[in-house]
Amino acid sequence: MSDFDAIRGQIRAVQAHHRAIEERMRGMLVPYSRRAEMSIPAFKMKAGGDPATEGRAQSLKLMNKAAQLPIDFFFYDLEDAAPDNPDFKVWARKFVVEALCTNDYGDRVTAFRPNNIRTEYFEQDVVEVISQAGHKLRALVIPKTETADEVRDVARIVNAINKASGNDHTLYLEVLIESPRAFAEAAEIAAIPEVAALIFGAWDFARTIGGSVTPQGWIHDQGTVRQLLPVIAAAEGKDAVDAVTGTLPIRPKRPPEMAVDVYKKALVSDPSTLDIGVYGMDFLTTLRRRQETLDLARRDAENACAIGFAAKWILHPDQIDPIQGAWTPSRQRALDALKLTAAYCRAAQSGSGAEVDGSRLADKAVVGTDWWVVKAGLRGGSIGEADIEATGFSFEDLQRTVVTRDAQVQGN
């Protein structure tokens, strides 16, 4: 036996131990992807209406419309968006079940948000909706979280109901982090197997620490917590979802004398290009404010994407395009990223560990960041399978070049 045989044995034993610890990356343990998540109120009714008639008609009109929106993930909201009134909560649950059971959602991720576990509403929320419509659900959005033990209990309860209802799939939890204690336990929460994402609840977080949320400043004022959540989530292979931008793109009302087609054209036009003589000062002023809020949502989403969030929460249909667009690279950007990945793959086969990309020396780490762009392009439709095939490599071959272990090739 050589002097090194014993040491080699020790090395192999240590390697076996550390090989069992996989590299963790964002979303690798999440069974779905999305670029934005939209909250849909579960109850809507004009004051004085009858919940069984007017309430049902207005609520289902809103919820059914959501089934047609080009949004990756949406949830029907039984919590903040439904009146804090036991009588109305009863109707809201009924409407959520009816909407879920009658609509075709295609490949959208469907969810609902119950009231938190400390409320009188929680039991009926989860039992009624899951027992009747669990087969249409992929996830629940869990609000007002305080501890990891709470999340574990919620996960056990909702999946027990789902199983008792005859369903064999797991219901995942997207957990709102909106208090100091929840943030302190965020890593433990993210480690729970049923948790798919941590969602930053900026407004409630500000409320619980005595802070504030301003449209222009919140991403900096709450920057420490906001920037850490994607890191904490990714350390457990999960996603982080950014908070809502706190301004709504309110559309100007259509003047009675304005044709519908003229009005629709104005909504998708740059307000500075429109004739004040045709549209009027008040209309254009409101339109400019709306455009500013859309620009703000786009800016916040681009920032969220850059710091590692997988998606952003939205409240208004007009925010869908600018927000989901932040996670959807242009075809040229996606093709450039794919070209770099393929070039790096070829370089590795020929004996090089890096590829020159313009002024960058693109090694595995650099190419790995572009690989996210490739995957985003595939999910968003900027590029397709034909573009992958044109590189001469398979998807698996390309991905293998930018992860540390082959076992991770199928990661999200």
Protein backbone atom coordinates (compact mmCIF):
# COMPACT_ATOMS: atom_id res chain seq x y z
CA MET A 1 0.00 0.00 0.00
CA SER A 2 1.40 3.39 -0.97
CA ASP A 3 1.63 6.29 1.45
CA PHE A 4 -1.32 7.88 -0.33
CA ASP A 5 -3.77 4.97 -0.41
CA ALA A 6 -5.23 5.79 3.00
CA ILE A 7 -5.52 9.46 2.08
CA ARG A 8 -7.22 8.56 -1.21
CA GLY A 9 -9.73 6.51 0.74
CA GLN A 10 -10.43 9.48 2.99
CA ILE A 11 -10.87 11.74 -0.05
CA ARG A 12 -13.39 9.38 -1.62
CA ALA A 13 -15.37 9.12 1.62
CA VAL A 14 -15.45 12.90 1.94
CA GLN A 15 -16.44 13.23 -1.72
CA ALA A 16 -19.32 10.82 -1.27
CA HIS A 17 -20.58 12.94 1.61
CA HIS A 18 -20.40 16.24 -0.25
CA ARG A 19 -21.74 14.83 -3.52
CA ALA A 20 -24.95 14.13 -1.64
CA ILE A 21 -25.30 17.89 -1.08
CA GLU A 22 -26.53 19.37 -4.34
CA GLU A 23 -25.96 22.90 -5.51
CA ARG A 24 -29.13 24.89 -4.90
CA MET A 25 -30.42 27.31 -7.50
CA ARG A 26 -33.57 29.35 -7.88
CA GLY A 27 -36.66 27.34 -8.71
CA MET A 28 -35.01 23.94 -9.04
CA LEU A 29 -37.56 22.44 -6.63
CA VAL A 30 -40.57 24.35 -7.97
CA PRO A 31 -42.81 22.34 -10.33
CA TYR A 32 -44.07 25.33 -12.32
CA SER A 33 -42.87 28.67 -13.59
CA ARG A 34 -44.50 32.09 -13.95
CA ARG A 35 -43.52 35.68 -14.55
CA ALA A 36 -46.33 37.39 -12.70
CA GLU A 37 -49.07 36.58 -10.24
CA MET A 38 -52.39 38.40 -10.32
CA SER A 39 -54.82 38.83 -7.45
CA ILE A 40 -58.50 38.53 -8.41
CA PRO A 41 -61.14 39.61 -5.84
CA ALA A 42 -63.48 36.78 -4.90
CA PHE A 43 -66.37 39.10 -4.07
CA LYS A 44 -67.55 42.27 -5.78
CA MET A 45 -70.91 43.97 -5.30
CA LYS A 46 -72.29 47.47 -5.34
CA ALA A 47 -73.52 48.76 -1.99
CA GLY A 48 -76.99 47.55 -1.15
CA GLY A 49 -77.00 44.70 -3.67
CA ASP A 50 -78.20 41.17 -3.10
CA PRO A 51 -75.20 38.78 -2.79
CA ALA A 52 -77.10 35.89 -4.35
CA THR A 53 -77.90 37.83 -7.52
CA GLU A 54 -76.01 41.10 -8.02
CA GLY A 55 -73.05 39.88 -5.97
CA ARG A 56 -72.85 36.60 -7.86
CA ALA A 57 -73.14 38.27 -11.27
CA GLN A 58 -70.47 40.90 -10.57
CA SER A 59 -68.08 38.53 -8.82
CA LEU A 60 -68.24 35.78 -11.44
CA LYS A 61 -67.94 38.27 -14.27
CA LEU A 62 -64.67 39.44 -12.72
CA MET A 63 -63.37 35.96 -11.95
CA ASN A 64 -64.39 34.47 -15.29
CA LYS A 65 -62.61 37.29 -17.12
CA ALA A 66 -59.43 36.34 -15.28
CA ALA A 67 -59.56 32.92 -16.92
CA GLN A 68 -59.07 34.65 -20.28
CA LEU A 69 -56.25 37.00 -19.28
CA PRO A 70 -52.72 36.23 -20.56
CA ILE A 71 -51.38 35.88 -17.04
CA ASP A 72 -49.13 32.97 -15.99
CA PHE A 73 -50.47 32.64 -12.43
CA PHE A 74 -53.54 34.06 -10.79
CA PHE A 75 -55.31 33.53 -7.52
CA TYR A 76 -58.83 34.21 -6.32
CA ASP A 77 -58.57 36.25 -3.14
CA LEU A 78 -60.71 35.42 -0.11
CA GLU A 79 -58.59 37.58 2.18
CA ASP A 80 -57.97 41.32 1.73
CA ALA A 81 -59.92 41.58 -1.53
CA ALA A 82 -63.08 40.11 0.03
CA PRO A 83 -65.04 42.10 2.67
CA ASP A 84 -64.17 41.31 6.29
CA ASN A 85 -67.73 40.26 6.95
CA PRO A 86 -68.75 36.65 7.74
CA ASP A 87 -71.86 36.86 5.56
CA PHE A 88 -69.94 38.02 2.49
CA LYS A 89 -67.10 35.53 3.07
CA VAL A 90 -69.64 32.71 2.75
CA TRP A 91 -70.67 33.97 -0.69
CA ALA A 92 -67.06 34.62 -1.73
CA ARG A 93 -66.19 30.95 -1.12
CA LYS A 94 -69.14 29.80 -3.17
CA PHE A 95 -68.14 32.08 -6.05
CA VAL A 96 -64.52 30.86 -5.98
CA VAL A 97 -65.66 27.23 -6.18
CA GLU A 98 -68.08 28.01 -9.01
CA ALA A 99 -65.45 29.93 -10.99
CA LEU A 100 -62.79 27.24 -10.55
CA CYS A 101 -65.13 24.41 -11.50
CA THR A 102 -66.62 26.04 -14.61
CA ASN A 103 -63.64 27.70 -16.30
CA ASP A 104 -60.91 26.21 -18.48
CA TYR A 105 -57.60 27.70 -17.33
CA GLY A 106 -55.36 25.99 -19.84
CA ASP A 107 -51.79 25.83 -18.59
CA ARG A 108 -52.15 28.77 -16.20
CA VAL A 109 -51.22 28.16 -12.57
CA THR A 110 -54.44 28.51 -10.55
CA ALA A 111 -54.56 29.26 -6.85
CA PHE A 112 -56.58 30.95 -4.14
CA ARG A 113 -55.72 32.91 -1.03
CA PRO A 114 -57.52 31.91 2.17
CA ASN A 115 -57.64 34.07 5.24
CA ASN A 116 -54.79 33.38 7.63
CA ILE A 117 -54.89 30.49 10.06
CA ARG A 118 -55.60 32.69 13.08
CA THR A 119 -58.91 33.97 11.67
CA GLU A 120 -62.42 32.57 12.05
CA TYR A 121 -62.57 32.19 8.26
CA PHE A 122 -59.60 29.89 7.66
CA GLU A 123 -61.29 26.54 8.37
CA GLN A 124 -64.19 27.09 5.99
CA ASP A 125 -61.94 28.69 3.38
CA VAL A 126 -59.69 25.67 3.01
CA VAL A 127 -62.26 22.94 3.59
CA GLU A 128 -64.92 24.29 1.23
CA VAL A 129 -62.69 25.41 -1.64
CA ILE A 130 -60.25 22.49 -1.64
CA SER A 131 -62.88 19.79 -1.09
CA GLN A 132 -64.94 21.04 -4.03
CA ALA A 133 -62.32 22.49 -6.38
CA GLY A 134 -58.97 21.07 -5.31
CA HIS A 135 -58.64 19.26 -8.64
CA LYS A 136 -58.37 22.66 -10.37
CA LEU A 137 -55.74 24.08 -7.99
CA ARG A 138 -51.95 24.03 -8.05
CA ALA A 139 -51.24 26.29 -5.09
CA LEU A 140 -52.47 28.43 -2.23
CA VAL A 141 -51.20 31.91 -1.38
CA ILE A 142 -50.76 32.08 2.39
CA PRO A 143 -51.07 35.52 4.04
CA LYS A 144 -50.02 37.05 7.36
CA THR A 145 -47.50 34.31 8.05
CA GLU A 146 -45.61 34.47 11.33
CA THR A 147 -43.69 31.23 11.82
CA ALA A 148 -42.40 28.18 9.99
CA ASP A 149 -44.43 25.94 12.31
CA GLU A 150 -47.56 27.74 11.10
CA VAL A 151 -46.65 27.05 7.47
CA ARG A 152 -45.94 23.39 8.20
CA ASP A 153 -49.36 23.08 9.84
CA VAL A 154 -51.08 24.80 6.91
CA ALA A 155 -49.29 22.52 4.42
CA ARG A 156 -50.35 19.42 6.35
CA ILE A 157 -53.97 20.61 6.64
CA VAL A 158 -54.50 21.63 3.02
CA ASN A 159 -52.94 18.48 1.60
CA ALA A 160 -54.92 16.28 3.98
CA ILE A 161 -58.11 17.94 2.71
CA ASN A 162 -56.95 17.55 -0.88
CA LYS A 163 -56.18 13.85 -0.42
CA ALA A 164 -59.49 13.24 1.39
CA SER A 165 -61.19 14.86 -1.61
CA GLY A 166 -59.79 12.20 -3.93
CA ASN A 167 -56.92 14.21 -5.40
CA ASP A 168 -53.41 12.79 -5.62
CA HIS A 169 -51.40 15.93 -6.44
CA THR A 170 -49.57 18.18 -4.00
CA LEU A 171 -50.95 21.63 -3.31
CA TYR A 172 -47.99 23.99 -3.04
CA LEU A 173 -47.84 27.07 -0.85
CA GLU A 174 -46.67 30.53 -1.85
CA VAL A 175 -46.00 32.22 1.47
CA LEU A 176 -46.25 35.94 2.03
CA ILE A 177 -43.38 37.38 4.05
CA GLU A 178 -44.91 40.51 5.53
CA SER A 179 -43.67 40.78 9.11
CA PRO A 180 -40.30 40.90 10.91
CA ARG A 181 -40.81 37.49 12.50
CA ALA A 182 -41.73 35.87 9.18
CA PHE A 183 -38.61 37.38 7.63
CA ALA A 184 -36.50 36.06 10.51
CA GLU A 185 -37.85 32.55 9.79
CA ALA A 186 -37.86 32.89 5.99
CA ALA A 187 -35.08 30.34 5.47
CA GLU A 188 -36.89 27.74 7.57
CA ILE A 189 -40.15 28.50 5.75
CA ALA A 190 -38.49 28.12 2.34
CA ALA A 191 -37.08 24.74 3.39
CA ILE A 192 -40.58 23.25 3.87
CA PRO A 193 -41.12 20.84 0.92
CA GLU A 194 -44.59 22.13 0.02
CA VAL A 195 -43.44 25.76 -0.14
CA ALA A 196 -42.83 26.87 -3.72
CA ALA A 197 -42.17 30.56 -3.18
CA LEU A 198 -41.68 33.41 -0.75
CA ILE A 199 -43.69 36.52 -1.65
CA PHE A 200 -42.63 39.92 -0.41
CA GLY A 201 -45.60 41.76 1.11
CA ALA A 202 -44.22 45.29 1.12
CA TRP A 203 -47.26 47.08 2.54
CA ASP A 204 -47.85 44.80 5.52
CA PHE A 205 -44.12 44.60 6.13
CA ALA A 206 -44.00 48.40 6.33
CA ARG A 207 -47.03 48.34 8.63
CA THR A 208 -45.38 45.90 11.04
CA ILE A 209 -42.08 47.79 11.29
CA GLY A 210 -43.57 51.30 11.25
CA GLY A 211 -42.25 52.11 7.79
CA SER A 212 -43.90 53.43 4.64
CA VAL A 213 -44.35 52.50 1.00
CA THR A 214 -43.98 55.14 -1.70
CA PRO A 215 -44.33 54.45 -5.42
CA GLN A 216 -40.92 55.88 -6.30
CA GLY A 217 -38.96 54.85 -3.23
CA TRP A 218 -40.15 51.53 -1.88
CA ILE A 219 -37.68 49.32 -3.76
CA HIS A 220 -34.87 51.26 -2.07
CA ASP A 221 -36.51 51.99 1.31
CA GLN A 222 -37.16 48.26 1.83
CA GLY A 223 -34.13 47.21 -0.17
CA THR A 224 -32.48 45.06 2.49
CA VAL A 225 -35.41 42.69 2.97
CA ARG A 226 -36.42 42.80 -0.69
CA GLN A 227 -32.96 41.90 -1.98
CA LEU A 228 -32.41 39.14 0.56
CA LEU A 229 -35.62 37.20 -0.18
CA PRO A 230 -34.46 35.87 -3.59
CA VAL A 231 -31.22 34.69 -1.96
CA ILE A 232 -33.04 32.99 0.93
CA ALA A 233 -35.51 31.31 -1.43
CA ALA A 234 -32.85 30.17 -3.92
CA ALA A 235 -30.80 28.63 -1.10
CA GLU A 236 -33.63 26.12 -0.74
CA GLY A 237 -34.27 25.73 -4.48
CA LYS A 238 -37.41 27.86 -4.30
CA ASP A 239 -38.62 31.08 -5.95
CA ALA A 240 -39.19 34.60 -4.65
CA VAL A 241 -42.03 36.80 -5.89
CA ASP A 242 -41.73 40.57 -5.73
CA ALA A 243 -44.33 42.83 -4.15
CA VAL A 244 -46.96 44.75 -6.07
CA THR A 245 -46.10 48.19 -7.44
CA GLY A 246 -48.37 50.45 -5.42
CA THR A 247 -49.89 52.50 -8.24
CA LEU A 248 -52.72 51.44 -10.53
CA PRO A 249 -52.90 52.35 -14.24
CA ILE A 250 -56.35 53.92 -14.12
CA ARG A 251 -57.80 54.37 -17.58
CA PRO A 252 -59.40 57.70 -18.49
CA LYS A 253 -63.14 57.48 -19.02
CA ARG A 254 -64.24 57.48 -22.61
CA PRO A 255 -66.08 60.69 -23.43
CA PRO A 256 -69.55 59.96 -24.88
CA GLU A 257 -68.64 61.66 -28.14
CA MET A 258 -65.44 59.60 -28.61
CA ALA A 259 -65.70 56.53 -30.83
CA VAL A 260 -64.73 53.24 -29.19
CA ASP A 261 -61.99 52.52 -31.75
CA VAL A 262 -60.48 55.98 -31.23
CA TYR A 263 -60.52 55.41 -27.46
CA LYS A 264 -58.85 51.99 -27.73
CA LYS A 265 -56.16 53.40 -30.01
CA ALA A 266 -55.41 56.15 -27.47
CA LEU A 267 -54.89 53.59 -24.70
CA VAL A 268 -52.02 51.95 -26.58
CA SER A 269 -50.48 55.19 -27.88
CA ASP A 270 -47.80 57.49 -26.47
CA PRO A 271 -49.83 60.35 -24.93
CA SER A 272 -47.28 62.90 -26.19
CA THR A 273 -48.15 61.98 -29.78
CA LEU A 274 -51.90 62.57 -29.42
CA ASP A 275 -53.66 65.75 -30.55
CA ILE A 276 -55.02 67.76 -27.64
CA GLY A 277 -57.65 69.18 -29.95
CA VAL A 278 -59.04 65.71 -30.54
CA TYR A 279 -58.73 64.23 -27.06
CA GLY A 280 -58.84 67.21 -24.71
CA MET A 281 -56.52 68.22 -21.87
CA ASP A 282 -58.26 66.26 -19.07
CA PHE A 283 -58.26 63.03 -21.07
CA LEU A 284 -54.57 63.36 -22.00
CA THR A 285 -53.57 64.30 -18.45
CA THR A 286 -55.18 61.11 -17.11
CA LEU A 287 -53.63 59.11 -19.93
CA ARG A 288 -50.17 60.47 -19.07
CA ARG A 289 -50.63 59.52 -15.41
CA ARG A 290 -51.63 56.03 -16.52
CA GLN A 291 -48.54 55.74 -18.71
CA GLU A 292 -46.34 56.84 -15.80
CA THR A 293 -47.75 54.07 -13.61
CA LEU A 294 -47.14 51.48 -16.34
CA ASP A 295 -43.56 52.74 -16.77
CA LEU A 296 -43.10 52.46 -13.00
CA ALA A 297 -44.39 48.87 -12.97
CA ARG A 298 -42.02 48.03 -15.83
CA ARG A 299 -39.06 49.60 -13.99
CA ASP A 300 -39.85 47.75 -10.77
CA ALA A 301 -40.25 44.46 -12.65
CA GLU A 302 -36.96 44.88 -14.51
CA ASN A 303 -35.24 45.57 -11.21
CA ALA A 304 -36.90 42.51 -9.64
CA CYS A 305 -35.75 40.31 -12.52
CA ALA A 306 -32.20 41.63 -12.25
CA ILE A 307 -31.88 40.81 -8.55
CA GLY A 308 -33.23 37.27 -8.83
CA PHE A 309 -37.00 37.37 -8.31
CA ALA A 310 -38.84 34.79 -10.42
CA ALA A 311 -42.02 36.86 -10.76
CA LYS A 312 -43.92 39.91 -9.53
CA TRP A 313 -47.34 40.37 -8.03
CA ILE A 314 -49.81 42.51 -9.99
CA LEU A 315 -53.27 43.95 -9.36
CA HIS A 316 -54.42 45.33 -12.71
CA PRO A 317 -54.72 43.68 -16.16
CA ASP A 318 -52.88 46.58 -17.84
CA GLN A 319 -49.80 45.70 -15.76
CA ILE A 320 -49.54 42.21 -17.29
CA ASP A 321 -47.57 43.13 -20.42
CA PRO A 322 -44.98 45.44 -18.81
CA ILE A 323 -44.40 43.11 -15.87
CA GLN A 324 -44.32 39.76 -17.66
CA GLY A 325 -42.29 41.45 -20.37
CA ALA A 326 -39.48 42.04 -17.87
CA TRP A 327 -38.98 38.26 -17.73
CA THR A 328 -39.42 37.79 -21.48
CA PRO A 329 -36.25 38.61 -23.42
CA SER A 330 -36.50 39.78 -27.01
CA ARG A 331 -35.83 37.15 -29.64
CA GLN A 332 -32.47 38.70 -30.43
CA ARG A 333 -31.42 38.79 -26.77
CA ALA A 334 -32.45 35.16 -26.29
CA LEU A 335 -30.67 34.07 -29.49
CA ASP A 336 -27.49 35.89 -28.41
CA ALA A 337 -27.59 34.08 -25.07
CA LEU A 338 -28.20 30.76 -26.81
CA LYS A 339 -25.34 31.41 -29.22
CA LEU A 340 -22.97 32.13 -26.32
CA THR A 341 -24.03 28.96 -24.49
CA ALA A 342 -23.50 26.85 -27.61
CA ALA A 343 -20.10 28.47 -28.25
CA TYR A 344 -19.06 27.72 -24.69
CA CYS A 345 -20.22 24.13 -25.08
CA ARG A 346 -18.14 23.72 -28.24
CA ALA A 347 -15.15 25.38 -26.56
CA ALA A 348 -15.41 22.92 -23.66
CA GLN A 349 -15.35 20.00 -26.09
CA SER A 350 -12.24 21.35 -27.79
CA GLY A 351 -10.34 21.93 -24.57
CA SER A 352 -11.14 25.55 -23.60
CA GLY A 353 -12.76 26.60 -20.32
CA ALA A 354 -13.92 29.98 -21.59
CA GLU A 355 -15.23 31.77 -24.67
CA VAL A 356 -14.62 35.38 -25.69
CA ASP A 357 -17.91 37.26 -25.99
CA GLY A 358 -17.25 40.78 -27.20
CA SER A 359 -15.32 42.40 -24.38
CA ARG A 360 -16.20 39.63 -21.90
CA LEU A 361 -14.26 36.50 -21.10
CA ALA A 362 -17.25 34.18 -20.76
CA ASP A 363 -16.48 31.32 -18.40
CA LYS A 364 -18.96 28.93 -16.83
CA ALA A 365 -20.32 31.51 -14.38
CA VAL A 366 -20.89 34.16 -17.07
CA VAL A 367 -22.51 31.70 -19.46
CA GLY A 368 -24.62 30.43 -16.57
CA THR A 369 -26.26 33.85 -16.18
CA ASP A 370 -27.06 33.91 -19.91
CA TRP A 371 -28.59 30.44 -19.62
CA TRP A 372 -31.36 32.00 -17.50
CA VAL A 373 -32.07 34.24 -20.50
CA VAL A 374 -32.28 31.18 -22.78
CA LYS A 375 -34.77 29.47 -20.46
CA ALA A 376 -36.79 32.68 -20.13
CA GLY A 377 -36.88 32.95 -23.90
CA LEU A 378 -38.17 29.38 -24.20
CA ARG A 379 -40.87 29.94 -21.57
CA GLY A 380 -41.91 33.28 -23.01
CA GLY A 381 -41.92 32.11 -26.63
CA SER A 382 -39.07 34.31 -27.87
CA ILE A 383 -37.24 31.20 -29.06
CA GLY A 384 -38.29 27.60 -29.57
CA GLU A 385 -37.11 24.03 -29.91
CA ALA A 386 -35.99 24.67 -33.50
CA ASP A 387 -33.54 27.30 -32.24
CA ILE A 388 -32.09 24.81 -29.76
CA GLU A 389 -31.74 22.16 -32.47
CA ALA A 390 -29.97 24.64 -34.73
CA THR A 391 -27.08 24.83 -32.25
CA GLY A 392 -26.27 21.16 -32.81
CA PHE A 393 -26.75 20.43 -29.12
CA SER A 394 -29.71 19.20 -27.09
CA PHE A 395 -31.22 21.27 -24.28
CA GLU A 396 -29.70 18.85 -21.78
CA ASP A 397 -26.23 19.13 -23.34
CA LEU A 398 -26.35 22.92 -23.19
CA GLN A 399 -27.61 23.04 -19.64
CA ARG A 400 -25.02 20.54 -18.49
CA THR A 401 -22.29 23.06 -19.29
CA VAL A 402 -23.58 25.60 -16.75
CA VAL A 403 -24.49 23.46 -13.74
CA THR A 404 -22.12 21.71 -11.43
CA ARG A 405 -23.75 18.27 -11.54
CA ASP A 406 -25.56 16.26 -14.20
CA ALA A 407 -28.33 15.48 -11.74
CA GLN A 408 -29.37 19.12 -11.93
CA VAL A 409 -29.94 19.15 -15.68
CA GLN A 410 -33.70 18.82 -15.23
CA GLY A 411 -33.85 21.73 -12.76
CA ASN A 412 -36.40 24.47 -13.35
